[in-house]
Every structure is written in C-alpha cells, then in structure tokens.
Amino acid sequence: MEDKVLRKLFLGFIHIHILHHAKEHPVYGTWMTEELREHGYNISAGTLYPILHSMETDGLLVKEDKNVEGKIRKYYTTTDKGTEILEEARKKAYELFKEINSSDKE
C-alpha cells in the first residue's frame, strides 16, 4: 500500500523533473531515465514513455524526431504551456518546502 501511495506522489515530482530538464535542453527517454535514477527515482522505460506521450498530448512537451547514428531518437522540449506549468509548480513546491521545513523546526 505504501509503495502505491509513494508512487502516485512521486509521479508528480517526475513530471516536474521532466519539464525542468526539457526546458533546459531537449531530452530523450534513455537520458531522462538515467537522470531520474540519479535523483533516486527507479523508473522503467515502460513507465517513462507513456508519461512523455501524455505530457505531449497535454501540450506540455513537443517532440522532434532526430536521426542519431542511423536510429530515430525522439527529443522532447517544453512548450510555452509547459513552461507556465513548470513555473506554477516551482512556486507551489517552494511554498510546500517552506511549510514542511518550518514545521520540522517547531
């Protein structure tokens, strides 16, 4: 049960990570999986790719196919809407962090 609850919670964090990195530079699935692992998220391609596709469908990311060494790689970048959502998420995350951090000191 706890794993399921944490998974739901962390999926939101993963979306924010994706938006953040896709705003900095185009990202692709394998790179994003490795980046998320560095932050402690053990996510499979079978979980990541549907997230990327849904974020594209929601207008948060735009995809560009590029030929890399004879293979097509899908690169994702943040759209204007994705940037707006990211900025709002940053504000909410910062407010939450301040609240959580201050309550630990009480």
PDB file of N, CA and C in Angstrom:
ATOM      1  N   MET A   1       0.824  -1.203   0.000  1.00  0.00           N
ATOM      2  CA  MET A   1       0.000   0.000   0.000  1.00  0.00           C
ATOM      3  C   MET A   1       0.863   1.260   0.000  1.00  0.00           C
ATOM      4  N   GLU A   2       1.888   1.292   0.866  1.00  0.00           N
ATOM      5  CA  GLU A   2       2.743   2.470   0.926  1.00  0.00           C
ATOM      6  C   GLU A   2       3.428   2.720  -0.407  1.00  0.00           C
ATOM      7  N   ASP A   3       3.884   1.642  -1.058  1.00  0.00           N
ATOM      8  CA  ASP A   3       4.546   1.796  -2.348  1.00  0.00           C
ATOM      9  C   ASP A   3       3.621   2.457  -3.357  1.00  0.00           C
ATOM     10  N   LYS A   4       2.352   2.085  -3.354  1.00  0.00           N
ATOM     11  CA  LYS A   4       1.384   2.638  -4.295  1.00  0.00           C
ATOM     12  C   LYS A   4       1.158   4.128  -4.019  1.00  0.00           C
ATOM     13  N   VAL A   5       1.073   4.491  -2.758  1.00  0.00           N
ATOM     14  CA  VAL A   5       0.869   5.891  -2.376  1.00  0.00           C
ATOM     15  C   VAL A   5       2.096   6.720  -2.757  1.00  0.00           C
ATOM     16  N   LEU A   6       3.285   6.214  -2.434  1.00  0.00           N
ATOM     17  CA  LEU A   6       4.509   6.931  -2.783  1.00  0.00           C
ATOM     18  C   LEU A   6       4.660   7.054  -4.293  1.00  0.00           C
ATOM     19  N   ARG A   7       4.306   6.010  -5.001  1.00  0.00           N
ATOM     20  CA  ARG A   7       4.396   6.033  -6.464  1.00  0.00           C
ATOM     21  C   ARG A   7       3.540   7.164  -7.033  1.00  0.00           C
ATOM     22  N   LYS A   8       2.319   7.290  -6.547  1.00  0.00           N
ATOM     23  CA  LYS A   8       1.438   8.365  -7.009  1.00  0.00           C
ATOM     24  C   LYS A   8       2.050   9.733  -6.708  1.00  0.00           C
ATOM     25  N   LEU A   9       2.574   9.885  -5.512  1.00  0.00           N
ATOM     26  CA  LEU A   9       3.176  11.147  -5.107  1.00  0.00           C
ATOM     27  C   LEU A   9       4.393  11.471  -5.974  1.00  0.00           C
ATOM     28  N   PHE A  10       5.260  10.492  -6.163  1.00  0.00           N
ATOM     29  CA  PHE A  10       6.488  10.713  -6.908  1.00  0.00           C
ATOM     30  C   PHE A  10       6.246  10.944  -8.396  1.00  0.00           C
ATOM     31  N   LEU A  11       5.134  10.444  -8.946  1.00  0.00           N
ATOM     32  CA  LEU A  11       4.830  10.687 -10.356  1.00  0.00           C
ATOM     33  C   LEU A  11       4.710  12.182 -10.643  1.00  0.00           C
ATOM     34  N   GLY A  12       4.153  12.926  -9.709  1.00  0.00           N
ATOM     35  CA  GLY A  12       4.083  14.375  -9.863  1.00  0.00           C
ATOM     36  C   GLY A  12       5.463  15.000  -9.876  1.00  0.00           C
ATOM     37  N   PHE A  13       6.338  14.515  -8.998  1.00  0.00           N
ATOM     38  CA  PHE A  13       7.710  15.018  -8.973  1.00  0.00           C
ATOM     39  C   PHE A  13       8.420  14.705 -10.287  1.00  0.00           C
ATOM     40  N   ILE A  14       8.178  13.524 -10.820  1.00  0.00           N
ATOM     41  CA  ILE A  14       8.798  13.119 -12.088  1.00  0.00           C
ATOM     42  C   ILE A  14       8.354  14.045 -13.214  1.00  0.00           C
ATOM     43  N   HIS A  15       7.083  14.391 -13.245  1.00  0.00           N
ATOM     44  CA  HIS A  15       6.593  15.329 -14.258  1.00  0.00           C
ATOM     45  C   HIS A  15       7.337  16.664 -14.162  1.00  0.00           C
ATOM     46  N   ILE A  16       7.545  17.134 -12.950  1.00  0.00           N
ATOM     47  CA  ILE A  16       8.248  18.404 -12.754  1.00  0.00           C
ATOM     48  C   ILE A  16       9.701  18.283 -13.212  1.00  0.00           C
ATOM     49  N   HIS A  17      10.353  17.174 -12.881  1.00  0.00           N
ATOM     50  CA  HIS A  17      11.731  16.937 -13.349  1.00  0.00           C
ATOM     51  C   HIS A  17      11.797  16.992 -14.869  1.00  0.00           C
ATOM     52  N   ILE A  18      10.863  16.309 -15.525  1.00  0.00           N
ATOM     53  CA  ILE A  18      10.856  16.271 -16.983  1.00  0.00           C
ATOM     54  C   ILE A  18      10.694  17.674 -17.553  1.00  0.00           C
ATOM     55  N   LEU A  19       9.733  18.426 -17.040  1.00  0.00           N
ATOM     56  CA  LEU A  19       9.531  19.792 -17.522  1.00  0.00           C
ATOM     57  C   LEU A  19      10.782  20.644 -17.310  1.00  0.00           C
ATOM     58  N   HIS A  20      11.389  20.506 -16.151  1.00  0.00           N
ATOM     59  CA  HIS A  20      12.595  21.282 -15.840  1.00  0.00           C
ATOM     60  C   HIS A  20      13.707  20.995 -16.841  1.00  0.00           C
ATOM     61  N   HIS A  21      14.010  19.732 -17.043  1.00  0.00           N
ATOM     62  CA  HIS A  21      15.126  19.377 -17.927  1.00  0.00           C
ATOM     63  C   HIS A  21      14.798  19.656 -19.394  1.00  0.00           C
ATOM     64  N   ALA A  22      13.550  19.425 -19.791  1.00  0.00           N
ATOM     65  CA  ALA A  22      13.163  19.682 -21.179  1.00  0.00           C
ATOM     66  C   ALA A  22      13.145  21.173 -21.490  1.00  0.00           C
ATOM     67  N   LYS A  23      13.061  21.991 -20.455  1.00  0.00           N
ATOM     68  CA  LYS A  23      13.156  23.443 -20.646  1.00  0.00           C
ATOM     69  C   LYS A  23      14.611  23.852 -20.847  1.00  0.00           C
ATOM     70  N   GLU A  24      15.521  23.170 -20.148  1.00  0.00           N
ATOM     71  CA  GLU A  24      16.950  23.486 -20.261  1.00  0.00           C
ATOM     72  C   GLU A  24      17.529  23.074 -21.613  1.00  0.00           C
ATOM     73  N   HIS A  25      17.125  21.888 -22.099  1.00  0.00           N
ATOM     74  CA  HIS A  25      17.616  21.355 -23.369  1.00  0.00           C
ATOM     75  C   HIS A  25      16.726  20.182 -23.780  1.00  0.00           C
ATOM     76  N   PRO A  26      16.716  19.846 -25.063  1.00  0.00           N
ATOM     77  CA  PRO A  26      15.910  18.691 -25.487  1.00  0.00           C
ATOM     78  C   PRO A  26      16.364  17.415 -24.769  1.00  0.00           C
ATOM     79  N   VAL A  27      15.397  16.613 -24.342  1.00  0.00           N
ATOM     80  CA  VAL A  27      15.706  15.365 -23.626  1.00  0.00           C
ATOM     81  C   VAL A  27      15.105  14.192 -24.385  1.00  0.00           C
ATOM     82  N   TYR A  28      15.702  13.029 -24.200  1.00  0.00           N
ATOM     83  CA  TYR A  28      15.155  11.804 -24.776  1.00  0.00           C
ATOM     84  C   TYR A  28      15.055  10.769 -23.672  1.00  0.00           C
ATOM     85  N   GLY A  29      14.292   9.728 -23.935  1.00  0.00           N
ATOM     86  CA  GLY A  29      13.910   8.768 -22.907  1.00  0.00           C
ATOM     87  C   GLY A  29      15.042   8.169 -22.103  1.00  0.00           C
ATOM     88  N   THR A  30      16.057   7.631 -22.767  1.00  0.00           N
ATOM     89  CA  THR A  30      17.155   6.979 -22.045  1.00  0.00           C
ATOM     90  C   THR A  30      17.878   7.970 -21.150  1.00  0.00           C
ATOM     91  N   TRP A  31      18.132   9.159 -21.680  1.00  0.00           N
ATOM     92  CA  TRP A  31      18.812  10.178 -20.869  1.00  0.00           C
ATOM     93  C   TRP A  31      17.959  10.544 -19.653  1.00  0.00           C
ATOM     94  N   MET A  32      16.651  10.714 -19.874  1.00  0.00           N
ATOM     95  CA  MET A  32      15.756  11.106 -18.787  1.00  0.00           C
ATOM     96  C   MET A  32      15.680  10.012 -17.733  1.00  0.00           C
ATOM     97  N   THR A  33      15.651   8.756 -18.160  1.00  0.00           N
ATOM     98  CA  THR A  33      15.624   7.638 -17.207  1.00  0.00           C
ATOM     99  C   THR A  33      16.862   7.669 -16.323  1.00  0.00           C
ATOM    100  N   GLU A  34      18.020   7.882 -16.931  1.00  0.00           N
ATOM    101  CA  GLU A  34      19.275   7.940 -16.165  1.00  0.00           C
ATOM    102  C   GLU A  34      19.293   9.139 -15.220  1.00  0.00           C
ATOM    103  N   GLU A  35      18.820  10.270 -15.697  1.00  0.00           N
ATOM    104  CA  GLU A  35      18.771  11.475 -14.865  1.00  0.00           C
ATOM    105  C   GLU A  35      17.860  11.259 -13.655  1.00  0.00           C
ATOM    106  N   LEU A  36      16.711  10.666 -13.880  1.00  0.00           N
ATOM    107  CA  LEU A  36      15.789  10.404 -12.775  1.00  0.00           C
ATOM    108  C   LEU A  36      16.391   9.416 -11.782  1.00  0.00           C
ATOM    109  N   ARG A  37      17.124   8.431 -12.262  1.00  0.00           N
ATOM    110  CA  ARG A  37      17.782   7.468 -11.365  1.00  0.00           C
ATOM    111  C   ARG A  37      18.788   8.169 -10.457  1.00  0.00           C
ATOM    112  N   GLU A  38      19.479   9.170 -11.000  1.00  0.00           N
ATOM    113  CA  GLU A  38      20.430   9.940 -10.189  1.00  0.00           C
ATOM    114  C   GLU A  38      19.731  10.651  -9.036  1.00  0.00           C
ATOM    115  N   HIS A  39      18.446  10.902  -9.196  1.00  0.00           N
ATOM    116  CA  HIS A  39      17.665  11.568  -8.149  1.00  0.00           C
ATOM    117  C   HIS A  39      16.873  10.582  -7.297  1.00  0.00           C
ATOM    118  N   GLY A  40      17.139   9.287  -7.487  1.00  0.00           N
ATOM    119  CA  GLY A  40      16.511   8.275  -6.650  1.00  0.00           C
ATOM    120  C   GLY A  40      15.207   7.701  -7.163  1.00  0.00           C
ATOM    121  N   TYR A  41      14.830   8.043  -8.396  1.00  0.00           N
ATOM    122  CA  TYR A  41      13.607   7.508  -8.978  1.00  0.00           C
ATOM    123  C   TYR A  41      13.967   6.320  -9.862  1.00  0.00           C
ATOM    124  N   ASN A  42      13.503   5.145  -9.490  1.00  0.00           N
ATOM    125  CA  ASN A  42      13.757   3.947 -10.277  1.00  0.00           C
ATOM    126  C   ASN A  42      12.575   3.756 -11.218  1.00  0.00           C
ATOM    127  N   ILE A  43      12.688   4.295 -12.408  1.00  0.00           N
ATOM    128  CA  ILE A  43      11.578   4.306 -13.360  1.00  0.00           C
ATOM    129  C   ILE A  43      11.987   3.541 -14.611  1.00  0.00           C
ATOM    130  N   SER A  44      11.097   2.725 -15.105  1.00  0.00           N
ATOM    131  CA  SER A  44      11.386   1.935 -16.301  1.00  0.00           C
ATOM    132  C   SER A  44      10.939   2.706 -17.541  1.00  0.00           C
ATOM    133  N   ALA A  45      11.440   2.271 -18.686  1.00  0.00           N
ATOM    134  CA  ALA A  45      11.019   2.866 -19.953  1.00  0.00           C
ATOM    135  C   ALA A  45       9.511   2.676 -20.149  1.00  0.00           C
ATOM    136  N   GLY A  46       8.984   1.551 -19.667  1.00  0.00           N
ATOM    137  CA  GLY A  46       7.561   1.274 -19.784  1.00  0.00           C
ATOM    138  C   GLY A  46       6.698   2.224 -18.977  1.00  0.00           C
ATOM    139  N   THR A  47       7.281   2.899 -18.015  1.00  0.00           N
ATOM    140  CA  THR A  47       6.578   3.921 -17.246  1.00  0.00           C
ATOM    141  C   THR A  47       6.869   5.311 -17.812  1.00  0.00           C
ATOM    142  N   LEU A  48       8.132   5.558 -18.173  1.00  0.00           N
ATOM    143  CA  LEU A  48       8.523   6.888 -18.634  1.00  0.00           C
ATOM    144  C   LEU A  48       7.870   7.278 -19.959  1.00  0.00           C
ATOM    145  N   TYR A  49       7.922   6.382 -20.945  1.00  0.00           N
ATOM    146  CA  TYR A  49       7.426   6.758 -22.266  1.00  0.00           C
ATOM    147  C   TYR A  49       5.945   7.122 -22.278  1.00  0.00           C
ATOM    148  N   PRO A  50       5.084   6.404 -21.572  1.00  0.00           N
ATOM    149  CA  PRO A  50       3.681   6.865 -21.509  1.00  0.00           C
ATOM    150  C   PRO A  50       3.543   8.244 -20.846  1.00  0.00           C
ATOM    151  N   ILE A  51       4.401   8.543 -19.880  1.00  0.00           N
ATOM    152  CA  ILE A  51       4.377   9.877 -19.252  1.00  0.00           C
ATOM    153  C   ILE A  51       4.754  10.935 -20.288  1.00  0.00           C
ATOM    154  N   LEU A  52       5.825  10.687 -21.036  1.00  0.00           N
ATOM    155  CA  LEU A  52       6.247  11.639 -22.066  1.00  0.00           C
ATOM    156  C   LEU A  52       5.146  11.837 -23.106  1.00  0.00           C
ATOM    157  N   HIS A  53       4.523  10.747 -23.528  1.00  0.00           N
ATOM    158  CA  HIS A  53       3.448  10.838 -24.524  1.00  0.00           C
ATOM    159  C   HIS A  53       2.251  11.614 -23.975  1.00  0.00           C
ATOM    160  N   SER A  54       1.897  11.368 -22.720  1.00  0.00           N
ATOM    161  CA  SER A  54       0.744  12.081 -22.149  1.00  0.00           C
ATOM    162  C   SER A  54       1.056  13.564 -21.971  1.00  0.00           C
ATOM    163  N   MET A  55       2.302  13.875 -21.622  1.00  0.00           N
ATOM    164  CA  MET A  55       2.690  15.280 -21.486  1.00  0.00           C
ATOM    165  C   MET A  55       2.679  15.973 -22.849  1.00  0.00           C
ATOM    166  N   GLU A  56       3.019  15.232 -23.885  1.00  0.00           N
ATOM    167  CA  GLU A  56       2.940  15.779 -25.240  1.00  0.00           C
ATOM    168  C   GLU A  56       1.470  16.011 -25.620  1.00  0.00           C
ATOM    169  N   THR A  57       0.626  15.035 -25.344  1.00  0.00           N
ATOM    170  CA  THR A  57      -0.805  15.149 -25.635  1.00  0.00           C
ATOM    171  C   THR A  57      -1.426  16.332 -24.886  1.00  0.00           C
ATOM    172  N   ASP A  58      -0.956  16.559 -23.659  1.00  0.00           N
ATOM    173  CA  ASP A  58      -1.472  17.665 -22.842  1.00  0.00           C
ATOM    174  C   ASP A  58      -0.905  19.018 -23.260  1.00  0.00           C
ATOM    175  N   GLY A  59      -0.008  19.021 -24.227  1.00  0.00           N
ATOM    176  CA  GLY A  59       0.554  20.280 -24.716  1.00  0.00           C
ATOM    177  C   GLY A  59       1.683  20.829 -23.877  1.00  0.00           C
ATOM    178  N   LEU A  60       2.271  20.003 -23.013  1.00  0.00           N
ATOM    179  CA  LEU A  60       3.361  20.451 -22.153  1.00  0.00           C
ATOM    180  C   LEU A  60       4.731  20.258 -22.806  1.00  0.00           C
ATOM    181  N   LEU A  61       4.817  19.273 -23.685  1.00  0.00           N
ATOM    182  CA  LEU A  61       6.058  18.963 -24.388  1.00  0.00           C
ATOM    183  C   LEU A  61       5.783  18.900 -25.875  1.00  0.00           C
ATOM    184  N   VAL A  62       6.807  19.164 -26.660  1.00  0.00           N
ATOM    185  CA  VAL A  62       6.742  18.961 -28.102  1.00  0.00           C
ATOM    186  C   VAL A  62       7.876  18.007 -28.459  1.00  0.00           C
ATOM    187  N   LYS A  63       7.585  17.097 -29.396  1.00  0.00           N
ATOM    188  CA  LYS A  63       8.535  16.055 -29.763  1.00  0.00           C
ATOM    189  C   LYS A  63       9.135  16.356 -31.123  1.00  0.00           C
ATOM    190  N   GLU A  64      10.436  16.083 -31.254  1.00  0.00           N
ATOM    191  CA  GLU A  64      11.113  16.192 -32.540  1.00  0.00           C
ATOM    192  C   GLU A  64      11.913  14.917 -32.754  1.00  0.00           C
ATOM    193  N   ASP A  65      11.687  14.274 -33.891  1.00  0.00           N
ATOM    194  CA  ASP A  65      12.446  13.076 -34.235  1.00  0.00           C
ATOM    195  C   ASP A  65      13.756  13.491 -34.882  1.00  0.00           C
ATOM    196  N   LYS A  66      14.862  12.903 -34.402  1.00  0.00           N
ATOM    197  CA  LYS A  66      16.176  13.178 -34.979  1.00  0.00           C
ATOM    198  C   LYS A  66      16.863  11.858 -35.289  1.00  0.00           C
ATOM    199  N   ASN A  67      17.586  11.850 -36.387  1.00  0.00           N
ATOM    200  CA  ASN A  67      18.357  10.679 -36.772  1.00  0.00           C
ATOM    201  C   ASN A  67      19.705  10.743 -36.051  1.00  0.00           C
ATOM    202  N   VAL A  68      19.934   9.773 -35.165  1.00  0.00           N
ATOM    203  CA  VAL A  68      21.186   9.698 -34.409  1.00  0.00           C
ATOM    204  C   VAL A  68      21.834   8.358 -34.731  1.00  0.00           C
ATOM    205  N   GLU A  69      22.925   8.429 -35.476  1.00  0.00           N
ATOM    206  CA  GLU A  69      23.663   7.229 -35.869  1.00  0.00           C
ATOM    207  C   GLU A  69      22.744   6.197 -36.535  1.00  0.00           C
ATOM    208  N   GLY A  70      21.887   6.673 -37.416  1.00  0.00           N
ATOM    209  CA  GLY A  70      21.014   5.790 -38.175  1.00  0.00           C
ATOM    210  C   GLY A  70      19.738   5.362 -37.464  1.00  0.00           C
ATOM    211  N   LYS A  71      19.556   5.818 -36.238  1.00  0.00           N
ATOM    212  CA  LYS A  71      18.339   5.478 -35.491  1.00  0.00           C
ATOM    213  C   LYS A  71      17.566   6.753 -35.196  1.00  0.00           C
ATOM    214  N   ILE A  72      16.244   6.634 -35.190  1.00  0.00           N
ATOM    215  CA  ILE A  72      15.402   7.787 -34.876  1.00  0.00           C
ATOM    216  C   ILE A  72      15.266   7.892 -33.357  1.00  0.00           C
ATOM    217  N   ARG A  73      15.647   9.049 -32.839  1.00  0.00           N
ATOM    218  CA  ARG A  73      15.520   9.319 -31.401  1.00  0.00           C
ATOM    219  C   ARG A  73      14.517  10.455 -31.234  1.00  0.00           C
ATOM    220  N   LYS A  74      13.623  10.307 -30.277  1.00  0.00           N
ATOM    221  CA  LYS A  74      12.595  11.315 -30.019  1.00  0.00           C
ATOM    222  C   LYS A  74      13.087  12.257 -28.924  1.00  0.00           C
ATOM    223  N   TYR A  75      13.227  13.513 -29.268  1.00  0.00           N
ATOM    224  CA  TYR A  75      13.648  14.541 -28.321  1.00  0.00           C
ATOM    225  C   TYR A  75      12.439  15.379 -27.919  1.00  0.00           C
ATOM    226  N   TYR A  76      12.349  15.685 -26.647  1.00  0.00           N
ATOM    227  CA  TYR A  76      11.233  16.456 -26.112  1.00  0.00           C
ATOM    228  C   TYR A  76      11.732  17.775 -25.541  1.00  0.00           C
ATOM    229  N   THR A  77      11.007  18.834 -25.839  1.00  0.00           N
ATOM    230  CA  THR A  77      11.279  20.138 -25.248  1.00  0.00           C
ATOM    231  C   THR A  77       9.972  20.695 -24.681  1.00  0.00           C
ATOM    232  N   THR A  78      10.120  21.576 -23.730  1.00  0.00           N
ATOM    233  CA  THR A  78       8.968  22.178 -23.061  1.00  0.00           C
ATOM    234  C   THR A  78       8.310  23.215 -23.964  1.00  0.00           C
ATOM    235  N   THR A  79       6.998  23.192 -24.030  1.00  0.00           N
ATOM    236  CA  THR A  79       6.231  24.199 -24.765  1.00  0.00           C
ATOM    237  C   THR A  79       6.032  25.421 -23.862  1.00  0.00           C
ATOM    238  N   ASP A  80       5.428  26.467 -24.425  1.00  0.00           N
ATOM    239  CA  ASP A  80       5.096  27.644 -23.602  1.00  0.00           C
ATOM    240  C   ASP A  80       4.169  27.241 -22.454  1.00  0.00           C
ATOM    241  N   LYS A  81       3.185  26.407 -22.765  1.00  0.00           N
ATOM    242  CA  LYS A  81       2.271  25.930 -21.720  1.00  0.00           C
ATOM    243  C   LYS A  81       3.036  25.136 -20.665  1.00  0.00           C
ATOM    244  N   GLY A  82       3.970  24.293 -21.107  1.00  0.00           N
ATOM    245  CA  GLY A  82       4.787  23.513 -20.173  1.00  0.00           C
ATOM    246  C   GLY A  82       5.619  24.406 -19.275  1.00  0.00           C
ATOM    247  N   THR A  83       6.147  25.485 -19.836  1.00  0.00           N
ATOM    248  CA  THR A  83       6.933  26.439 -19.050  1.00  0.00           C
ATOM    249  C   THR A  83       6.066  27.121 -18.002  1.00  0.00           C
ATOM    250  N   GLU A  84       4.845  27.493 -18.386  1.00  0.00           N
ATOM    251  CA  GLU A  84       3.921  28.118 -17.430  1.00  0.00           C
ATOM    252  C   GLU A  84       3.590  27.148 -16.295  1.00  0.00           C
ATOM    253  N   ILE A  85       3.325  25.903 -16.636  1.00  0.00           N
ATOM    254  CA  ILE A  85       3.014  24.887 -15.625  1.00  0.00           C
ATOM    255  C   ILE A  85       4.216  24.675 -14.710  1.00  0.00           C
ATOM    256  N   LEU A  86       5.410  24.627 -15.302  1.00  0.00           N
ATOM    257  CA  LEU A  86       6.624  24.454 -14.505  1.00  0.00           C
ATOM    258  C   LEU A  86       6.798  25.600 -13.511  1.00  0.00           C
ATOM    259  N   GLU A  87       6.589  26.819 -13.954  1.00  0.00           N
ATOM    260  CA  GLU A  87       6.729  27.973 -13.054  1.00  0.00           C
ATOM    261  C   GLU A  87       5.728  27.893 -11.909  1.00  0.00           C
ATOM    262  N   GLU A  88       4.496  27.513 -12.207  1.00  0.00           N
ATOM    263  CA  GLU A  88       3.484  27.371 -11.157  1.00  0.00           C
ATOM    264  C   GLU A  88       3.871  26.243 -10.198  1.00  0.00           C
ATOM    265  N   ALA A  89       4.363  25.137 -10.734  1.00  0.00           N
ATOM    266  CA  ALA A  89       4.788  24.007  -9.897  1.00  0.00           C
ATOM    267  C   ALA A  89       5.951  24.414  -8.998  1.00  0.00           C
ATOM    268  N   ARG A  90       6.879  25.204  -9.526  1.00  0.00           N
ATOM    269  CA  ARG A  90       8.017  25.684  -8.711  1.00  0.00           C
ATOM    270  C   ARG A  90       7.521  26.500  -7.521  1.00  0.00           C
ATOM    271  N   LYS A  91       6.570  27.396  -7.781  1.00  0.00           N
ATOM    272  CA  LYS A  91       6.026  28.221  -6.693  1.00  0.00           C
ATOM    273  C   LYS A  91       5.370  27.340  -5.629  1.00  0.00           C
ATOM    274  N   LYS A  92       4.548  26.395  -6.080  1.00  0.00           N
ATOM    275  CA  LYS A  92       3.856  25.511  -5.126  1.00  0.00           C
ATOM    276  C   LYS A  92       4.853  24.640  -4.363  1.00  0.00           C
ATOM    277  N   ALA A  93       5.856  24.122  -5.063  1.00  0.00           N
ATOM    278  CA  ALA A  93       6.864  23.278  -4.414  1.00  0.00           C
ATOM    279  C   ALA A  93       7.651  24.084  -3.382  1.00  0.00           C
ATOM    280  N   TYR A  94       7.981  25.331  -3.724  1.00  0.00           N
ATOM    281  CA  TYR A  94       8.720  26.181  -2.790  1.00  0.00           C
ATOM    282  C   TYR A  94       7.886  26.479  -1.547  1.00  0.00           C
ATOM    283  N   GLU A  95       6.614  26.794  -1.742  1.00  0.00           N
ATOM    284  CA  GLU A  95       5.731  27.045  -0.598  1.00  0.00           C
ATOM    285  C   GLU A  95       5.617  25.803   0.280  1.00  0.00           C
ATOM    286  N   LEU A  96       5.467  24.652  -0.340  1.00  0.00           N
ATOM    287  CA  LEU A  96       5.377  23.405   0.409  1.00  0.00           C
ATOM    288  C   LEU A  96       6.670  23.131   1.162  1.00  0.00           C
ATOM    289  N   PHE A  97       7.805  23.332   0.495  1.00  0.00           N
ATOM    290  CA  PHE A  97       9.100  23.131   1.137  1.00  0.00           C
ATOM    291  C   PHE A  97       9.238  24.029   2.362  1.00  0.00           C
ATOM    292  N   LYS A  98       8.880  25.307   2.223  1.00  0.00           N
ATOM    293  CA  LYS A  98       8.977  26.214   3.369  1.00  0.00           C
ATOM    294  C   LYS A  98       8.097  25.747   4.522  1.00  0.00           C
ATOM    295  N   GLU A  99       6.896  25.301   4.205  1.00  0.00           N
ATOM    296  CA  GLU A  99       5.969  24.847   5.247  1.00  0.00           C
ATOM    297  C   GLU A  99       6.506  23.589   5.931  1.00  0.00           C
ATOM    298  N   ILE A 100       6.928  22.640   5.147  1.00  0.00           N
ATOM    299  CA  ILE A 100       7.455  21.389   5.712  1.00  0.00           C
ATOM    300  C   ILE A 100       8.707  21.649   6.520  1.00  0.00           C
ATOM    301  N   ASN A 101       9.585  22.476   5.984  1.00  0.00           N
ATOM    302  CA  ASN A 101      10.862  22.776   6.649  1.00  0.00           C
ATOM    303  C   ASN A 101      10.638  23.529   7.962  1.00  0.00           C
ATOM    304  N   SER A 102       9.706  24.487   7.973  1.00  0.00           N
ATOM    305  CA  SER A 102       9.476  25.252   9.193  1.00  0.00           C
ATOM    306  C   SER A 102       8.787  24.400  10.267  1.00  0.00           C
ATOM    307  N   SER A 103       7.929  23.467   9.853  1.00  0.00           N
ATOM    308  CA  SER A 103       7.249  22.652  10.857  1.00  0.00           C
ATOM    309  C   SER A 103       8.200  21.645  11.503  1.00  0.00           C
ATOM    310  N   ASP A 104       9.290  21.289  10.813  1.00  0.00           N
ATOM    311  CA  ASP A 104      10.301  20.406  11.400  1.00  0.00           C
ATOM    312  C   ASP A 104      11.074  21.112  12.513  1.00  0.00           C
ATOM    313  N   LYS A 105      11.123  22.428  12.478  1.00  0.00           N
ATOM    314  CA  LYS A 105      11.903  23.196  13.449  1.00  0.00           C
ATOM    315  C   LYS A 105      11.089  23.532  14.698  1.00  0.00           C
ATOM    316  N   GLU A 106       9.790  23.293  14.628  1.00  0.00           N
ATOM    317  CA  GLU A 106       8.933  23.654  15.771  1.00  0.00           C
ATOM    318  C   GLU A 106       9.032  22.647  16.890  1.00  0.00           C
TER     319      GLU A 106
END
